Amino acid sequence: MALGSNTKFYETPNHPFQGERIASEHSLVGRYGLKNKEELWRAQSKLRSFRREARELLGQAQGDAEEAAREGEEFLSRLQRIGILGNEEGLDDVLSLEVTDLLERRLQTVAYRKGVGNTPKQARQFIAHGHVTVDGQRVTVPSYMVEVSQEDSVSFDENSPLADELHPERAEEQ
């Protein structure tokens, strides 16, 4: 099923002209090398949906606790697999997550932290241009959520000119 072109996957702020919020959004956009605030709002909306699901599961625990625990287990294992939650954390910890927890798991950020680019924006460009692979598969989406098990396999595509250590755009070894 194709989605309509006017389907948004995020909510804009209720009060668009709050200086403090604008400043904090601007610093996050800069720190994580996001293209625009829409990407930040998308991450915030995803975080809201995680929190909503956790609240619903916690609410169901008053009813059939066994069923809620089983459904909660799948939800928690999904968040643990993508590295947003630690292995010992539970539904209560989902409610205290920050948007930075999601932004840290984006391919763009993981690639930058691994030294694929000198800056988050350069890492984004390398990803968009098809120079980066995850588990041997080329990924061209900077917002791809990297699972913990895939983190070590983020690297340059072997056919990319950037795979050469001496390429002038390669990050200096840190």
Protein backbone atom coordinates (compact mmCIF):
# COMPACT_ATOMS: atom_id res chain seq x y z
CA MET A 1 0.00 0.00 0.00
CA ALA A 2 1.49 3.31 -1.08
CA LEU A 3 1.25 6.23 1.28
CA GLY A 4 -0.06 9.54 0.03
CA SER A 5 2.50 12.26 -0.50
CA ASN A 6 0.79 14.41 2.13
CA THR A 7 1.26 11.91 4.97
CA LYS A 8 3.46 13.33 7.72
CA PHE A 9 5.36 11.10 10.11
CA TYR A 10 5.89 13.83 12.69
CA GLU A 11 4.11 16.56 14.59
CA THR A 12 5.23 20.16 14.50
CA PRO A 13 5.53 22.06 17.79
CA ASN A 14 2.28 23.48 19.19
CA HIS A 15 3.92 26.86 19.84
CA PRO A 16 6.19 27.53 16.87
CA PHE A 17 7.87 30.67 18.22
CA GLN A 18 9.38 29.73 21.58
CA GLY A 19 12.95 30.99 21.63
CA GLU A 20 14.23 28.43 24.13
CA ARG A 21 12.81 25.47 22.19
CA ILE A 22 14.10 26.86 18.89
CA ALA A 23 17.59 27.26 20.36
CA SER A 24 17.65 23.71 21.76
CA GLU A 25 16.36 22.30 18.45
CA HIS A 26 19.00 24.27 16.56
CA SER A 27 21.80 22.89 18.76
CA LEU A 28 20.54 19.30 18.28
CA VAL A 29 20.27 19.77 14.50
CA GLY A 30 23.87 21.04 14.47
CA ARG A 31 25.28 18.43 16.87
CA TYR A 32 23.78 15.48 14.98
CA GLY A 33 24.19 16.95 11.47
CA LEU A 34 20.48 16.70 10.66
CA LYS A 35 19.25 18.15 7.38
CA ASN A 36 16.46 20.16 9.00
CA LYS A 37 14.20 20.31 12.03
CA GLU A 38 11.75 17.93 10.36
CA GLU A 39 14.20 15.08 11.02
CA LEU A 40 14.34 16.09 14.69
CA TRP A 41 10.54 16.28 14.89
CA ARG A 42 10.33 12.81 13.33
CA ALA A 43 12.60 11.43 16.05
CA GLN A 44 10.55 13.22 18.72
CA SER A 45 7.33 11.74 17.30
CA LYS A 46 8.86 8.26 17.29
CA LEU A 47 9.90 8.75 20.92
CA ARG A 48 6.35 9.87 21.79
CA SER A 49 4.97 6.69 20.20
CA PHE A 50 7.42 4.55 22.23
CA ARG A 51 6.34 6.32 25.42
CA ARG A 52 2.66 5.95 24.50
CA GLU A 53 3.11 2.22 23.91
CA ALA A 54 4.93 1.85 27.25
CA ARG A 55 2.14 3.73 29.07
CA GLU A 56 -0.50 1.54 27.43
CA LEU A 57 1.38 -1.63 28.42
CA LEU A 58 1.79 -0.36 31.97
CA GLY A 59 -1.93 0.44 32.04
CA GLN A 60 -2.82 -3.04 30.82
CA ALA A 61 -0.78 -4.53 33.67
CA GLN A 62 -3.67 -3.68 36.00
CA GLY A 63 -5.83 -6.04 33.96
CA ASP A 64 -4.19 -9.19 32.62
CA ALA A 65 -0.61 -8.81 33.86
CA GLU A 66 0.62 -11.95 32.10
CA GLU A 67 -0.57 -10.75 28.69
CA ALA A 68 0.86 -7.26 29.24
CA ALA A 69 4.21 -8.72 30.30
CA ARG A 70 4.39 -10.89 27.19
CA GLU A 71 3.50 -8.01 24.85
CA GLY A 72 5.84 -5.73 26.78
CA GLU A 73 8.64 -8.24 26.32
CA GLU A 74 8.45 -7.96 22.52
CA PHE A 75 8.38 -4.15 22.73
CA LEU A 76 11.35 -4.03 25.13
CA SER A 77 13.40 -6.52 23.10
CA ARG A 78 12.85 -4.38 19.99
CA LEU A 79 14.13 -1.27 21.82
CA GLN A 80 17.07 -3.23 23.25
CA ARG A 81 17.94 -4.62 19.81
CA ILE A 82 18.28 -1.12 18.35
CA GLY A 83 20.22 0.00 21.43
CA ILE A 84 17.77 2.56 22.80
CA LEU A 85 17.38 0.58 26.04
CA GLY A 86 19.93 -1.42 28.00
CA ASN A 87 19.37 -5.12 28.70
CA GLU A 88 18.36 -4.54 32.31
CA GLU A 89 15.93 -1.68 31.65
CA GLY A 90 12.15 -2.04 31.71
CA LEU A 91 8.96 -0.25 30.68
CA ASP A 92 9.48 2.48 33.30
CA ASP A 93 12.80 3.38 31.67
CA VAL A 94 11.08 3.94 28.31
CA LEU A 95 9.23 6.87 29.84
CA SER A 96 12.51 8.57 30.80
CA LEU A 97 14.12 8.30 27.33
CA GLU A 98 15.33 11.47 25.63
CA VAL A 99 15.30 12.31 21.92
CA THR A 100 19.12 12.12 21.94
CA ASP A 101 18.83 8.39 22.74
CA LEU A 102 17.13 7.93 19.35
CA LEU A 103 19.45 10.31 17.49
CA GLU A 104 22.50 8.38 18.77
CA ARG A 105 21.24 5.21 17.03
CA ARG A 106 20.92 6.76 13.56
CA LEU A 107 23.38 5.43 10.97
CA GLN A 108 24.64 8.97 10.43
CA THR A 109 25.67 9.31 14.09
CA VAL A 110 27.04 5.77 14.42
CA ALA A 111 29.11 6.23 11.24
CA TYR A 112 30.48 9.56 12.48
CA ARG A 113 31.37 8.06 15.89
CA LYS A 114 33.20 5.22 14.10
CA GLY A 115 35.26 7.75 12.14
CA VAL A 116 33.59 7.29 8.74
CA GLY A 117 33.38 11.09 8.40
CA ASN A 118 35.18 14.09 9.89
CA THR A 119 31.82 15.64 10.83
CA PRO A 120 28.26 14.32 11.18
CA LYS A 121 27.34 16.17 7.98
CA GLN A 122 30.20 14.54 6.07
CA ALA A 123 29.16 11.12 7.38
CA ARG A 124 25.63 11.92 6.16
CA GLN A 125 26.97 12.80 2.71
CA PHE A 126 29.02 9.59 2.48
CA ILE A 127 25.91 7.58 3.42
CA ALA A 128 23.64 9.39 0.95
CA HIS A 129 26.17 8.88 -1.85
CA GLY A 130 26.31 5.14 -1.21
CA HIS A 131 29.81 4.85 0.27
CA VAL A 132 28.70 3.18 3.54
CA THR A 133 27.59 -0.41 4.21
CA VAL A 134 25.94 -2.08 7.20
CA ASP A 135 26.40 -5.86 7.42
CA GLY A 136 27.83 -5.76 3.88
CA GLN A 137 24.68 -4.10 2.48
CA ARG A 138 24.86 -0.58 1.08
CA VAL A 139 22.57 1.76 3.04
CA THR A 140 21.81 5.23 1.68
CA VAL A 141 19.42 6.38 4.42
CA PRO A 142 21.12 8.50 7.13
CA SER A 143 18.19 7.96 9.52
CA TYR A 144 18.50 4.14 9.36
CA MET A 145 18.34 2.79 12.92
CA VAL A 146 21.46 0.71 13.51
CA GLU A 147 20.95 -2.34 15.70
CA VAL A 148 23.54 -3.07 18.38
CA SER A 149 24.56 -6.28 16.55
CA GLN A 150 25.21 -4.29 13.35
CA GLU A 151 27.25 -1.51 14.92
CA ASP A 152 30.66 -3.11 14.32
CA SER A 153 29.83 -3.80 10.65
CA VAL A 154 29.35 -0.13 9.70
CA SER A 155 32.15 0.65 7.22
CA PHE A 156 32.98 1.98 3.79
CA ASP A 157 31.78 -0.02 0.79
CA GLU A 158 34.77 -2.01 -0.53
CA ASN A 159 34.05 -0.72 -4.07
CA SER A 160 33.97 2.90 -2.92
CA PRO A 161 36.98 5.11 -3.64
CA LEU A 162 36.71 6.16 0.02
CA ALA A 163 37.65 2.61 1.09
CA ASP A 164 41.25 3.59 0.33
CA GLU A 165 42.89 4.78 3.57
CA LEU A 166 44.80 7.45 1.63
CA HIS A 167 41.73 9.10 0.10
CA PRO A 168 41.91 12.85 0.83
CA GLU A 169 38.36 12.98 2.28
CA ARG A 170 39.01 10.17 4.78
CA ALA A 171 38.98 11.09 8.44
CA GLU A 172 42.36 11.33 10.11
CA GLU A 173 42.87 8.44 12.51
CA GLN A 174 41.93 9.52 16.02
